[in-house]
């Protein structure tokens, strides 16, 4: 498993942006330019360039499954990857097995939404913690769950409350009966205000 992290330069000039964009194929250029916000275009550009540079390939030709997850065609079809971005960070995970990565900025959020989006066991665990620890547990769990559905390749077509991840231990684990496949989780803070999580399907 390889993880690459990079901060986004939101002060990048339009001229430099277009120079970087020239490193991608027409299809990816079109996707990036379609974003209404310049910040979203930058995040997408950074993610694709990080992947391209990490794989050391001349041209990045991405295909997408029916759920929108990107993948590489031959001769790179044995390489699995995933990209995520939040706030000022873009992260990329590369592996030989299906993988998902997610990064979440820790913000002032009403964590009562955990009762709607998380499983009963997960919500009960979060609200059993002290107030100071609830917000971090919420974002850690959110990033883990996003990483899991991305590793599965189906994104949010899998409801986040349809499976449970136990974060009460040192290493997060998938709750019993959640999946027939075994997966490994990794989660850590990036700086002071972000949680990054990875899920590997093994």
N, C-alpha and C. Protein backbone atom coordinates (compact mmCIF):
# COMPACT_ATOMS: atom_id res chain seq x y z
N UNK A 1 0.85 -1.20 0.00
CA UNK A 1 0.00 0.00 0.00
C UNK A 1 0.88 1.24 0.00
N UNK A 2 0.51 2.19 -0.82
CA UNK A 2 1.23 3.46 -0.87
C UNK A 2 0.24 4.60 -0.74
N UNK A 3 0.54 5.56 0.12
CA UNK A 3 -0.33 6.72 0.32
C UNK A 3 0.46 7.98 0.03
N UNK A 4 -0.12 8.86 -0.79
CA UNK A 4 0.50 10.14 -1.12
C UNK A 4 -0.43 11.25 -0.67
N UNK A 5 0.13 12.25 0.03
CA UNK A 5 -0.66 13.39 0.52
C UNK A 5 -0.05 14.68 0.00
N UNK A 6 -0.89 15.62 -0.38
CA UNK A 6 -0.38 16.91 -0.85
C UNK A 6 -1.36 18.01 -0.53
N UNK A 7 -0.82 19.14 -0.08
CA UNK A 7 -1.66 20.32 0.15
C UNK A 7 -1.92 21.03 -1.17
N UNK A 8 -3.12 21.56 -1.30
CA UNK A 8 -3.52 22.27 -2.51
C UNK A 8 -3.11 23.73 -2.40
N UNK A 9 -2.54 24.25 -3.47
CA UNK A 9 -2.22 25.67 -3.53
C UNK A 9 -3.39 26.41 -4.17
N UNK A 10 -4.26 26.97 -3.33
CA UNK A 10 -5.43 27.65 -3.85
C UNK A 10 -5.09 29.01 -4.47
N UNK A 11 -3.84 29.44 -4.32
CA UNK A 11 -3.40 30.69 -4.94
C UNK A 11 -2.76 30.45 -6.30
N UNK A 12 -2.83 29.22 -6.78
CA UNK A 12 -2.27 28.89 -8.09
C UNK A 12 -2.92 29.76 -9.17
N UNK A 13 -2.09 30.38 -9.98
CA UNK A 13 -2.60 31.26 -11.03
C UNK A 13 -3.32 30.46 -12.11
N UNK A 14 -4.18 31.13 -12.83
CA UNK A 14 -4.90 30.46 -13.94
C UNK A 14 -3.91 29.95 -14.98
N UNK A 15 -2.85 30.72 -15.21
CA UNK A 15 -1.84 30.32 -16.19
C UNK A 15 -1.15 29.03 -15.77
N UNK A 16 -0.76 28.94 -14.50
CA UNK A 16 -0.11 27.72 -14.00
C UNK A 16 -1.09 26.55 -13.95
N UNK A 17 -2.34 26.87 -13.64
CA UNK A 17 -3.38 25.83 -13.65
C UNK A 17 -3.49 25.19 -15.03
N UNK A 18 -3.52 26.01 -16.06
CA UNK A 18 -3.66 25.49 -17.43
C UNK A 18 -2.42 24.71 -17.87
N UNK A 19 -1.25 25.11 -17.37
CA UNK A 19 -0.02 24.36 -17.67
C UNK A 19 -0.08 22.96 -17.08
N UNK A 20 -0.55 22.88 -15.85
CA UNK A 20 -0.69 21.58 -15.21
C UNK A 20 -1.77 20.74 -15.89
N UNK A 21 -2.85 21.39 -16.27
CA UNK A 21 -3.95 20.70 -16.93
C UNK A 21 -3.50 20.05 -18.23
N UNK A 22 -2.51 20.64 -18.89
CA UNK A 22 -2.02 20.14 -20.17
C UNK A 22 -1.39 18.75 -20.04
N UNK A 23 -1.11 18.31 -18.79
CA UNK A 23 -0.52 16.99 -18.56
C UNK A 23 -1.55 15.87 -18.61
N UNK A 24 -2.83 16.23 -18.75
CA UNK A 24 -3.89 15.21 -18.75
C UNK A 24 -4.51 15.07 -20.13
N UNK A 25 -5.24 13.99 -20.33
CA UNK A 25 -5.89 13.79 -21.63
C UNK A 25 -7.16 14.65 -21.73
N UNK A 26 -7.71 14.69 -22.93
CA UNK A 26 -8.84 15.59 -23.20
C UNK A 26 -10.06 15.26 -22.35
N UNK A 27 -10.30 13.97 -22.11
CA UNK A 27 -11.47 13.57 -21.33
C UNK A 27 -11.37 14.07 -19.90
N UNK A 28 -10.19 13.91 -19.29
CA UNK A 28 -10.02 14.37 -17.91
C UNK A 28 -10.00 15.90 -17.83
N UNK A 29 -9.44 16.54 -18.85
CA UNK A 29 -9.45 18.01 -18.89
C UNK A 29 -10.89 18.52 -18.88
N UNK A 30 -11.72 17.89 -19.71
CA UNK A 30 -13.12 18.31 -19.81
C UNK A 30 -13.84 18.14 -18.48
N UNK A 31 -13.60 17.01 -17.80
CA UNK A 31 -14.24 16.76 -16.50
C UNK A 31 -13.84 17.83 -15.48
N UNK A 32 -12.56 18.18 -15.48
CA UNK A 32 -12.04 19.14 -14.51
C UNK A 32 -12.59 20.54 -14.78
N UNK A 33 -12.67 20.92 -16.04
CA UNK A 33 -13.15 22.25 -16.40
C UNK A 33 -14.65 22.40 -16.24
N UNK A 34 -15.34 21.27 -16.06
CA UNK A 34 -16.79 21.29 -15.93
C UNK A 34 -17.24 21.78 -14.56
N UNK A 35 -16.34 21.73 -13.57
CA UNK A 35 -16.70 22.19 -12.22
C UNK A 35 -16.99 23.68 -12.23
N UNK A 36 -18.00 24.08 -11.49
CA UNK A 36 -18.37 25.49 -11.42
C UNK A 36 -17.39 26.28 -10.56
N UNK A 37 -16.87 25.64 -9.50
CA UNK A 37 -15.94 26.32 -8.61
C UNK A 37 -14.50 25.97 -8.96
N UNK A 38 -13.66 27.00 -8.99
CA UNK A 38 -12.24 26.81 -9.29
C UNK A 38 -11.59 25.87 -8.27
N UNK A 39 -12.00 25.97 -7.00
CA UNK A 39 -11.44 25.12 -5.96
C UNK A 39 -11.69 23.64 -6.25
N UNK A 40 -12.87 23.32 -6.75
CA UNK A 40 -13.19 21.92 -7.08
C UNK A 40 -12.36 21.44 -8.27
N UNK A 41 -12.15 22.32 -9.24
CA UNK A 41 -11.30 21.97 -10.38
C UNK A 41 -9.88 21.69 -9.92
N UNK A 42 -9.39 22.52 -9.01
CA UNK A 42 -8.03 22.34 -8.48
C UNK A 42 -7.89 21.00 -7.75
N UNK A 43 -8.87 20.68 -6.91
CA UNK A 43 -8.81 19.41 -6.16
C UNK A 43 -8.76 18.22 -7.11
N UNK A 44 -9.60 18.25 -8.13
CA UNK A 44 -9.64 17.15 -9.08
C UNK A 44 -8.33 17.06 -9.87
N UNK A 45 -7.80 18.20 -10.27
CA UNK A 45 -6.54 18.25 -11.00
C UNK A 45 -5.40 17.68 -10.16
N UNK A 46 -5.30 18.13 -8.92
CA UNK A 46 -4.24 17.66 -8.03
C UNK A 46 -4.31 16.14 -7.86
N UNK A 47 -5.50 15.62 -7.66
CA UNK A 47 -5.64 14.18 -7.44
C UNK A 47 -5.14 13.37 -8.63
N UNK A 48 -5.54 13.79 -9.82
CA UNK A 48 -5.13 13.04 -11.03
C UNK A 48 -3.63 13.17 -11.29
N UNK A 49 -3.07 14.36 -11.05
CA UNK A 49 -1.64 14.54 -11.26
C UNK A 49 -0.82 13.77 -10.23
N UNK A 50 -1.31 13.71 -8.98
CA UNK A 50 -0.62 12.92 -7.96
C UNK A 50 -0.56 11.45 -8.37
N UNK A 51 -1.69 10.94 -8.88
CA UNK A 51 -1.75 9.54 -9.32
C UNK A 51 -0.82 9.32 -10.50
N UNK A 52 -0.87 10.20 -11.47
CA UNK A 52 -0.04 10.08 -12.68
C UNK A 52 1.45 10.07 -12.31
N UNK A 53 1.85 10.99 -11.44
CA UNK A 53 3.25 11.07 -11.04
C UNK A 53 3.67 9.86 -10.21
N UNK A 54 2.79 9.39 -9.32
CA UNK A 54 3.11 8.25 -8.47
C UNK A 54 3.32 6.98 -9.30
N UNK A 55 2.54 6.84 -10.37
CA UNK A 55 2.65 5.66 -11.23
C UNK A 55 3.70 5.83 -12.31
N UNK A 56 4.20 7.07 -12.45
CA UNK A 56 5.23 7.37 -13.45
C UNK A 56 4.80 6.93 -14.85
N UNK A 57 3.57 7.34 -15.22
CA UNK A 57 3.08 7.00 -16.56
C UNK A 57 2.90 8.27 -17.38
N UNK A 58 3.08 8.13 -18.69
CA UNK A 58 3.06 9.29 -19.59
C UNK A 58 1.67 9.87 -19.70
N UNK A 59 0.68 9.00 -19.92
CA UNK A 59 -0.69 9.47 -20.09
C UNK A 59 -1.62 8.70 -19.18
N UNK A 60 -2.41 9.42 -18.41
CA UNK A 60 -3.35 8.82 -17.46
C UNK A 60 -4.70 8.65 -18.14
N UNK A 61 -5.02 7.42 -18.52
CA UNK A 61 -6.30 7.13 -19.16
C UNK A 61 -7.20 6.39 -18.17
N UNK A 62 -8.14 7.11 -17.60
CA UNK A 62 -9.02 6.52 -16.60
C UNK A 62 -10.33 6.06 -17.21
N UNK A 63 -10.82 4.93 -16.71
CA UNK A 63 -12.17 4.48 -17.02
C UNK A 63 -12.96 4.50 -15.71
N UNK A 64 -14.30 4.39 -15.82
CA UNK A 64 -15.13 4.50 -14.62
C UNK A 64 -16.16 3.38 -14.62
N UNK A 65 -16.37 2.78 -13.44
CA UNK A 65 -17.40 1.74 -13.36
C UNK A 65 -18.78 2.39 -13.27
N UNK A 66 -19.81 1.58 -13.15
CA UNK A 66 -21.18 2.10 -13.19
C UNK A 66 -21.51 3.00 -12.00
N UNK A 67 -20.67 2.91 -10.94
CA UNK A 67 -20.89 3.75 -9.76
C UNK A 67 -19.96 4.97 -9.74
N UNK A 68 -19.19 5.13 -10.81
CA UNK A 68 -18.32 6.31 -10.92
C UNK A 68 -16.92 6.13 -10.36
N UNK A 69 -16.58 4.92 -9.90
CA UNK A 69 -15.23 4.71 -9.38
C UNK A 69 -14.24 4.58 -10.53
N UNK A 70 -13.16 5.37 -10.51
CA UNK A 70 -12.19 5.29 -11.61
C UNK A 70 -11.28 4.07 -11.48
N UNK A 71 -10.83 3.57 -12.62
CA UNK A 71 -9.87 2.47 -12.63
C UNK A 71 -9.00 2.58 -13.87
N UNK A 72 -7.88 1.86 -13.86
CA UNK A 72 -6.93 1.88 -14.97
C UNK A 72 -7.12 0.65 -15.84
N UNK A 73 -6.99 0.83 -17.13
CA UNK A 73 -7.08 -0.29 -18.06
C UNK A 73 -5.70 -0.88 -18.30
N UNK A 74 -5.64 -1.99 -19.03
CA UNK A 74 -4.39 -2.65 -19.38
C UNK A 74 -3.41 -1.64 -20.00
N UNK A 75 -2.14 -1.68 -19.65
CA UNK A 75 -1.42 -2.72 -18.90
C UNK A 75 -1.36 -2.45 -17.39
N UNK A 76 -2.20 -1.54 -16.89
CA UNK A 76 -2.15 -1.18 -15.47
C UNK A 76 -3.36 -1.71 -14.70
N UNK A 77 -4.05 -2.70 -15.27
CA UNK A 77 -5.30 -3.14 -14.64
C UNK A 77 -5.08 -3.95 -13.36
N UNK A 78 -3.81 -4.25 -13.02
CA UNK A 78 -3.55 -4.92 -11.75
C UNK A 78 -3.23 -3.92 -10.64
N UNK A 79 -3.33 -2.63 -10.98
CA UNK A 79 -3.08 -1.57 -9.99
C UNK A 79 -4.42 -1.00 -9.54
N UNK A 80 -4.64 -0.96 -8.24
CA UNK A 80 -5.85 -0.38 -7.67
C UNK A 80 -5.49 0.94 -6.99
N UNK A 81 -6.39 1.90 -7.08
CA UNK A 81 -6.11 3.20 -6.49
C UNK A 81 -7.42 3.87 -6.08
N UNK A 82 -7.29 4.91 -5.31
CA UNK A 82 -8.44 5.73 -4.95
C UNK A 82 -7.93 7.11 -4.56
N UNK A 83 -8.78 8.11 -4.78
CA UNK A 83 -8.42 9.51 -4.54
C UNK A 83 -9.47 10.15 -3.66
N UNK A 84 -9.05 11.04 -2.76
CA UNK A 84 -9.99 11.79 -1.94
C UNK A 84 -9.42 13.18 -1.68
N UNK A 85 -10.31 14.12 -1.43
CA UNK A 85 -9.86 15.47 -1.09
C UNK A 85 -10.87 16.13 -0.16
N UNK A 86 -10.34 16.98 0.69
CA UNK A 86 -11.17 17.74 1.62
C UNK A 86 -10.37 18.96 2.06
N UNK A 87 -11.01 20.11 2.06
CA UNK A 87 -10.30 21.31 2.47
C UNK A 87 -9.05 21.55 1.66
N UNK A 88 -7.91 21.59 2.33
CA UNK A 88 -6.64 21.89 1.65
C UNK A 88 -5.83 20.66 1.29
N UNK A 89 -6.37 19.46 1.52
CA UNK A 89 -5.61 18.24 1.27
C UNK A 89 -6.20 17.39 0.15
N UNK A 90 -5.30 16.77 -0.62
CA UNK A 90 -5.65 15.72 -1.57
C UNK A 90 -4.81 14.50 -1.20
N UNK A 91 -5.44 13.32 -1.17
CA UNK A 91 -4.73 12.09 -0.82
C UNK A 91 -5.02 11.02 -1.87
N UNK A 92 -4.02 10.19 -2.12
CA UNK A 92 -4.14 9.10 -3.09
C UNK A 92 -3.62 7.83 -2.44
N UNK A 93 -4.33 6.72 -2.63
CA UNK A 93 -3.90 5.40 -2.15
C UNK A 93 -3.73 4.48 -3.36
N UNK A 94 -2.63 3.73 -3.38
CA UNK A 94 -2.33 2.80 -4.47
C UNK A 94 -1.99 1.45 -3.86
N UNK A 95 -2.52 0.37 -4.48
CA UNK A 95 -2.29 -0.96 -3.92
C UNK A 95 -2.48 -2.01 -5.01
N UNK A 96 -2.23 -3.27 -4.64
CA UNK A 96 -2.45 -4.39 -5.56
C UNK A 96 -3.80 -5.04 -5.30
N UNK A 97 -4.55 -4.53 -4.32
CA UNK A 97 -5.90 -5.03 -4.01
C UNK A 97 -6.86 -3.84 -4.02
N UNK A 98 -8.16 -4.09 -4.17
CA UNK A 98 -9.11 -2.98 -4.13
C UNK A 98 -8.94 -2.15 -2.86
N UNK A 99 -8.95 -0.84 -3.03
CA UNK A 99 -8.64 0.05 -1.91
C UNK A 99 -9.52 1.29 -1.97
N UNK A 100 -9.83 1.83 -0.82
CA UNK A 100 -10.58 3.09 -0.74
C UNK A 100 -9.89 4.00 0.25
N UNK A 101 -9.90 5.29 -0.04
CA UNK A 101 -9.31 6.27 0.87
C UNK A 101 -10.27 7.44 1.01
N UNK A 102 -10.29 8.02 2.20
CA UNK A 102 -11.14 9.19 2.41
C UNK A 102 -10.48 10.10 3.42
N UNK A 103 -10.59 11.39 3.18
CA UNK A 103 -10.10 12.39 4.13
C UNK A 103 -11.23 13.35 4.44
N UNK A 104 -11.39 13.66 5.72
CA UNK A 104 -12.48 14.53 6.16
C UNK A 104 -11.91 15.65 7.03
N UNK A 105 -12.29 16.87 6.71
CA UNK A 105 -11.91 17.99 7.57
C UNK A 105 -12.82 18.00 8.80
N UNK A 106 -12.21 18.15 9.97
CA UNK A 106 -12.98 18.20 11.21
C UNK A 106 -13.56 19.60 11.35
N UNK A 107 -14.87 19.70 11.28
CA UNK A 107 -15.55 20.99 11.32
C UNK A 107 -16.60 20.99 12.42
N UNK A 108 -17.19 22.14 12.66
CA UNK A 108 -18.28 22.24 13.63
C UNK A 108 -19.55 21.68 12.99
N UNK A 109 -19.84 20.44 13.31
CA UNK A 109 -20.98 19.74 12.72
C UNK A 109 -21.89 19.23 13.83
N UNK A 110 -23.18 19.26 13.57
CA UNK A 110 -24.14 18.70 14.52
C UNK A 110 -24.06 17.18 14.41
N UNK A 111 -23.35 16.55 15.33
CA UNK A 111 -23.10 15.12 15.21
C UNK A 111 -24.34 14.27 15.51
N UNK A 112 -25.45 14.92 15.80
CA UNK A 112 -26.69 14.15 15.97
C UNK A 112 -27.08 13.44 14.67
N UNK A 113 -26.53 13.91 13.54
CA UNK A 113 -26.83 13.24 12.27
C UNK A 113 -26.28 11.81 12.25
N UNK A 114 -25.39 11.49 13.18
CA UNK A 114 -24.87 10.12 13.28
C UNK A 114 -26.02 9.13 13.47
N UNK A 115 -27.08 9.57 14.16
CA UNK A 115 -28.21 8.68 14.41
C UNK A 115 -28.94 8.31 13.12
N UNK A 116 -28.80 9.17 12.11
CA UNK A 116 -29.47 8.91 10.83
C UNK A 116 -28.57 8.17 9.86
N UNK A 117 -27.27 8.51 9.86
CA UNK A 117 -26.37 7.98 8.84
C UNK A 117 -25.52 6.80 9.31
N UNK A 118 -25.36 6.62 10.62
CA UNK A 118 -24.55 5.54 11.14
C UNK A 118 -25.43 4.43 11.69
N UNK A 119 -24.82 3.27 11.91
CA UNK A 119 -25.58 2.17 12.51
C UNK A 119 -25.88 2.48 13.97
N UNK A 120 -26.82 1.74 14.53
CA UNK A 120 -27.19 1.94 15.93
C UNK A 120 -25.99 1.76 16.85
N UNK A 121 -25.19 0.72 16.59
CA UNK A 121 -24.02 0.43 17.44
C UNK A 121 -23.00 1.58 17.37
N UNK A 122 -22.79 2.11 16.17
CA UNK A 122 -21.83 3.21 16.00
C UNK A 122 -22.30 4.47 16.72
N UNK A 123 -23.58 4.80 16.56
CA UNK A 123 -24.14 5.99 17.21
C UNK A 123 -24.05 5.87 18.73
N UNK A 124 -24.40 4.70 19.24
CA UNK A 124 -24.35 4.50 20.69
C UNK A 124 -22.93 4.65 21.21
N UNK A 125 -21.96 4.17 20.44
CA UNK A 125 -20.57 4.30 20.88
C UNK A 125 -20.16 5.77 20.91
N UNK A 126 -20.46 6.52 19.85
CA UNK A 126 -20.07 7.93 19.78
C UNK A 126 -20.64 8.70 20.97
N UNK A 127 -21.93 8.51 21.26
CA UNK A 127 -22.58 9.29 22.31
C UNK A 127 -22.28 8.76 23.72
N UNK A 128 -21.54 7.65 23.78
CA UNK A 128 -21.08 7.16 25.09
C UNK A 128 -19.80 7.87 25.52
N UNK A 129 -19.19 8.58 24.58
CA UNK A 129 -17.92 9.27 24.85
C UNK A 129 -18.16 10.64 25.48
N UNK A 130 -17.10 11.21 26.02
CA UNK A 130 -17.18 12.57 26.52
C UNK A 130 -17.40 13.52 25.35
N UNK A 131 -17.94 14.69 25.62
CA UNK A 131 -18.22 15.65 24.54
C UNK A 131 -16.97 15.98 23.73
N UNK A 132 -15.84 16.10 24.39
CA UNK A 132 -14.60 16.43 23.71
C UNK A 132 -14.19 15.37 22.70
N UNK A 133 -14.53 14.12 22.99
CA UNK A 133 -14.11 13.02 22.11
C UNK A 133 -15.15 12.65 21.06
N UNK A 134 -16.37 13.12 21.22
CA UNK A 134 -17.44 12.74 20.29
C UNK A 134 -17.18 13.24 18.86
N UNK A 135 -16.74 14.49 18.74
CA UNK A 135 -16.57 15.07 17.41
C UNK A 135 -15.47 14.36 16.63
N UNK A 136 -14.37 14.00 17.31
CA UNK A 136 -13.29 13.30 16.63
C UNK A 136 -13.71 11.88 16.24
N UNK A 137 -14.44 11.22 17.13
CA UNK A 137 -14.94 9.87 16.83
C UNK A 137 -15.88 9.91 15.63
N UNK A 138 -16.70 10.95 15.57
CA UNK A 138 -17.64 11.10 14.46
C UNK A 138 -16.90 11.18 13.12
N UNK A 139 -15.90 12.07 13.03
CA UNK A 139 -15.19 12.25 11.77
C UNK A 139 -14.28 11.08 11.43
N UNK A 140 -13.72 10.45 12.45
CA UNK A 140 -12.93 9.24 12.20
C UNK A 140 -13.81 8.16 11.59
N UNK A 141 -14.99 7.97 12.19
CA UNK A 141 -15.91 6.94 11.70
C UNK A 141 -16.43 7.29 10.31
N UNK A 142 -16.73 8.56 10.08
CA UNK A 142 -17.23 8.98 8.77
C UNK A 142 -16.19 8.67 7.69
N UNK A 143 -14.93 8.98 7.96
CA UNK A 143 -13.88 8.73 6.96
C UNK A 143 -13.69 7.24 6.73
N UNK A 144 -13.79 6.44 7.80
CA UNK A 144 -13.65 4.99 7.66
C UNK A 144 -14.77 4.40 6.80
N UNK A 145 -15.99 4.87 7.04
CA UNK A 145 -17.14 4.34 6.31
C UNK A 145 -17.07 4.73 4.83
N UNK A 146 -16.65 5.96 4.57
CA UNK A 146 -16.48 6.40 3.17
C UNK A 146 -15.40 5.57 2.49
N UNK A 147 -14.29 5.32 3.20
CA UNK A 147 -13.20 4.52 2.62
C UNK A 147 -13.69 3.11 2.29
N UNK A 148 -14.54 2.57 3.15
CA UNK A 148 -15.07 1.22 2.93
C UNK A 148 -15.93 1.14 1.67
N UNK A 149 -16.89 2.05 1.53
CA UNK A 149 -17.78 1.97 0.37
C UNK A 149 -17.01 2.27 -0.93
N UNK A 150 -15.95 3.07 -0.82
CA UNK A 150 -15.11 3.35 -2.00
C UNK A 150 -14.27 2.12 -2.37
N UNK A 151 -13.77 1.41 -1.36
CA UNK A 151 -13.03 0.18 -1.63
C UNK A 151 -13.92 -0.87 -2.29
N UNK A 152 -15.17 -0.90 -1.88
CA UNK A 152 -16.14 -1.83 -2.49
C UNK A 152 -16.46 -1.45 -3.94
N UNK A 153 -16.19 -0.19 -4.29
CA UNK A 153 -16.41 0.25 -5.66
C UNK A 153 -17.83 0.65 -5.97
N UNK A 154 -18.66 0.82 -4.92
CA UNK A 154 -20.06 1.15 -5.14
C UNK A 154 -20.46 2.49 -4.52
N UNK A 155 -19.52 3.15 -3.87
CA UNK A 155 -19.79 4.47 -3.32
C UNK A 155 -21.01 4.49 -2.42
N UNK A 156 -21.72 5.61 -2.45
CA UNK A 156 -22.85 5.79 -1.55
C UNK A 156 -24.12 5.08 -2.00
N UNK A 157 -24.01 4.19 -3.01
CA UNK A 157 -25.14 3.31 -3.28
C UNK A 157 -25.27 2.30 -2.14
N UNK A 158 -24.21 2.17 -1.33
CA UNK A 158 -24.26 1.38 -0.10
C UNK A 158 -24.59 2.34 1.05
N UNK A 159 -25.75 2.24 1.65
CA UNK A 159 -26.10 3.16 2.75
C UNK A 159 -25.09 3.05 3.89
N UNK A 160 -24.68 4.19 4.43
CA UNK A 160 -23.67 4.18 5.48
C UNK A 160 -24.16 3.52 6.77
N UNK A 161 -25.48 3.43 6.94
CA UNK A 161 -26.00 2.79 8.16
C UNK A 161 -26.28 1.30 7.97
N UNK A 162 -25.86 0.75 6.82
CA UNK A 162 -26.13 -0.67 6.54
C UNK A 162 -25.00 -1.59 7.01
N UNK A 163 -23.95 -1.01 7.58
CA UNK A 163 -22.84 -1.82 8.10
C UNK A 163 -22.24 -1.08 9.29
N UNK A 164 -21.47 -1.81 10.07
CA UNK A 164 -20.91 -1.26 11.30
C UNK A 164 -19.40 -1.40 11.31
N UNK A 165 -18.71 -0.33 11.71
CA UNK A 165 -17.27 -0.39 11.94
C UNK A 165 -17.03 -0.08 13.41
N UNK A 166 -16.33 -0.99 14.07
CA UNK A 166 -16.04 -0.85 15.50
C UNK A 166 -14.75 -0.06 15.66
N UNK A 167 -14.85 1.16 16.22
CA UNK A 167 -13.67 1.98 16.43
C UNK A 167 -13.29 2.07 17.91
N UNK A 168 -13.83 1.15 18.72
CA UNK A 168 -13.57 1.19 20.15
C UNK A 168 -12.20 0.58 20.48
N UNK A 169 -11.57 -0.07 19.49
CA UNK A 169 -10.27 -0.69 19.71
C UNK A 169 -9.18 0.14 19.04
N UNK A 170 -7.93 -0.29 19.22
CA UNK A 170 -6.81 0.42 18.60
C UNK A 170 -6.89 0.38 17.07
N UNK A 171 -7.32 -0.79 16.55
CA UNK A 171 -7.46 -0.95 15.10
C UNK A 171 -8.94 -1.13 14.76
N UNK A 172 -9.50 -0.29 13.90
CA UNK A 172 -10.92 -0.43 13.53
C UNK A 172 -11.17 -1.78 12.85
N UNK A 173 -12.32 -2.37 13.11
CA UNK A 173 -12.69 -3.63 12.46
C UNK A 173 -14.13 -3.55 11.98
N UNK A 174 -14.42 -4.31 10.94
CA UNK A 174 -15.77 -4.38 10.40
C UNK A 174 -16.62 -5.27 11.28
N UNK A 175 -17.84 -4.82 11.58
CA UNK A 175 -18.73 -5.59 12.43
C UNK A 175 -19.12 -6.92 11.81
N UNK A 176 -19.44 -7.89 12.63
CA UNK A 176 -19.80 -9.21 12.15
C UNK A 176 -21.03 -9.14 11.24
N UNK A 177 -20.99 -9.93 10.15
CA UNK A 177 -22.10 -10.00 9.23
C UNK A 177 -22.19 -8.85 8.26
N UNK A 178 -21.23 -7.91 8.33
CA UNK A 178 -21.29 -6.75 7.45
C UNK A 178 -20.84 -7.08 6.03
N UNK A 179 -19.90 -8.03 5.90
CA UNK A 179 -19.35 -8.33 4.59
C UNK A 179 -18.71 -9.70 4.61
N UNK A 180 -18.80 -10.40 3.48
CA UNK A 180 -18.16 -11.70 3.38
C UNK A 180 -16.66 -11.55 3.14
N UNK A 181 -16.26 -10.41 2.59
CA UNK A 181 -14.84 -10.17 2.35
C UNK A 181 -14.18 -9.61 3.60
N UNK A 182 -12.93 -9.98 3.78
CA UNK A 182 -12.15 -9.44 4.89
C UNK A 182 -11.51 -8.14 4.43
N UNK A 183 -11.54 -7.15 5.28
CA UNK A 183 -10.90 -5.88 4.93
C UNK A 183 -10.05 -5.40 6.08
N UNK A 184 -9.03 -4.61 5.73
CA UNK A 184 -8.15 -4.00 6.71
C UNK A 184 -8.40 -2.50 6.72
N UNK A 185 -8.42 -1.91 7.91
CA UNK A 185 -8.60 -0.47 8.04
C UNK A 185 -7.35 0.19 8.62
N UNK A 186 -7.13 1.38 8.17
CA UNK A 186 -6.07 2.22 8.71
C UNK A 186 -6.65 3.62 8.84
N UNK A 187 -6.41 4.27 9.98
CA UNK A 187 -6.94 5.62 10.17
C UNK A 187 -5.97 6.44 10.99
N UNK A 188 -5.80 7.70 10.60
CA UNK A 188 -4.89 8.57 11.32
C UNK A 188 -5.26 10.02 11.05
N UNK A 189 -4.78 10.91 11.92
CA UNK A 189 -5.02 12.33 11.70
C UNK A 189 -3.96 12.89 10.76
N UNK A 190 -4.39 13.83 9.94
CA UNK A 190 -3.48 14.59 9.08
C UNK A 190 -3.51 16.02 9.61
N UNK A 191 -2.40 16.46 10.15
CA UNK A 191 -2.41 17.76 10.81
C UNK A 191 -3.32 17.71 12.02
N UNK A 192 -3.87 18.86 12.37
CA UNK A 192 -4.75 18.93 13.55
C UNK A 192 -6.22 18.76 13.20
N UNK A 193 -6.58 19.02 11.94
CA UNK A 193 -8.00 19.17 11.62
C UNK A 193 -8.55 18.20 10.58
N UNK A 194 -7.84 17.11 10.32
CA UNK A 194 -8.31 16.16 9.32
C UNK A 194 -8.15 14.73 9.81
N UNK A 195 -9.11 13.87 9.42
CA UNK A 195 -8.97 12.43 9.60
C UNK A 195 -8.87 11.80 8.22
N UNK A 196 -7.89 10.92 8.05
CA UNK A 196 -7.73 10.18 6.81
C UNK A 196 -7.85 8.69 7.12
N UNK A 197 -8.64 7.99 6.34
CA UNK A 197 -8.82 6.55 6.56
C UNK A 197 -8.67 5.80 5.25
N UNK A 198 -8.18 4.57 5.38
CA UNK A 198 -7.96 3.68 4.24
C UNK A 198 -8.60 2.34 4.53
N UNK A 199 -9.19 1.74 3.50
CA UNK A 199 -9.75 0.40 3.59
C UNK A 199 -9.18 -0.45 2.45
N UNK A 200 -8.58 -1.59 2.81
CA UNK A 200 -8.04 -2.53 1.82
C UNK A 200 -8.90 -3.79 1.84
N UNK A 201 -9.36 -4.26 0.68
CA UNK A 201 -10.11 -5.49 0.58
C UNK A 201 -9.12 -6.63 0.33
N UNK A 202 -9.01 -7.56 1.28
CA UNK A 202 -7.99 -8.60 1.16
C UNK A 202 -8.61 -10.01 1.15
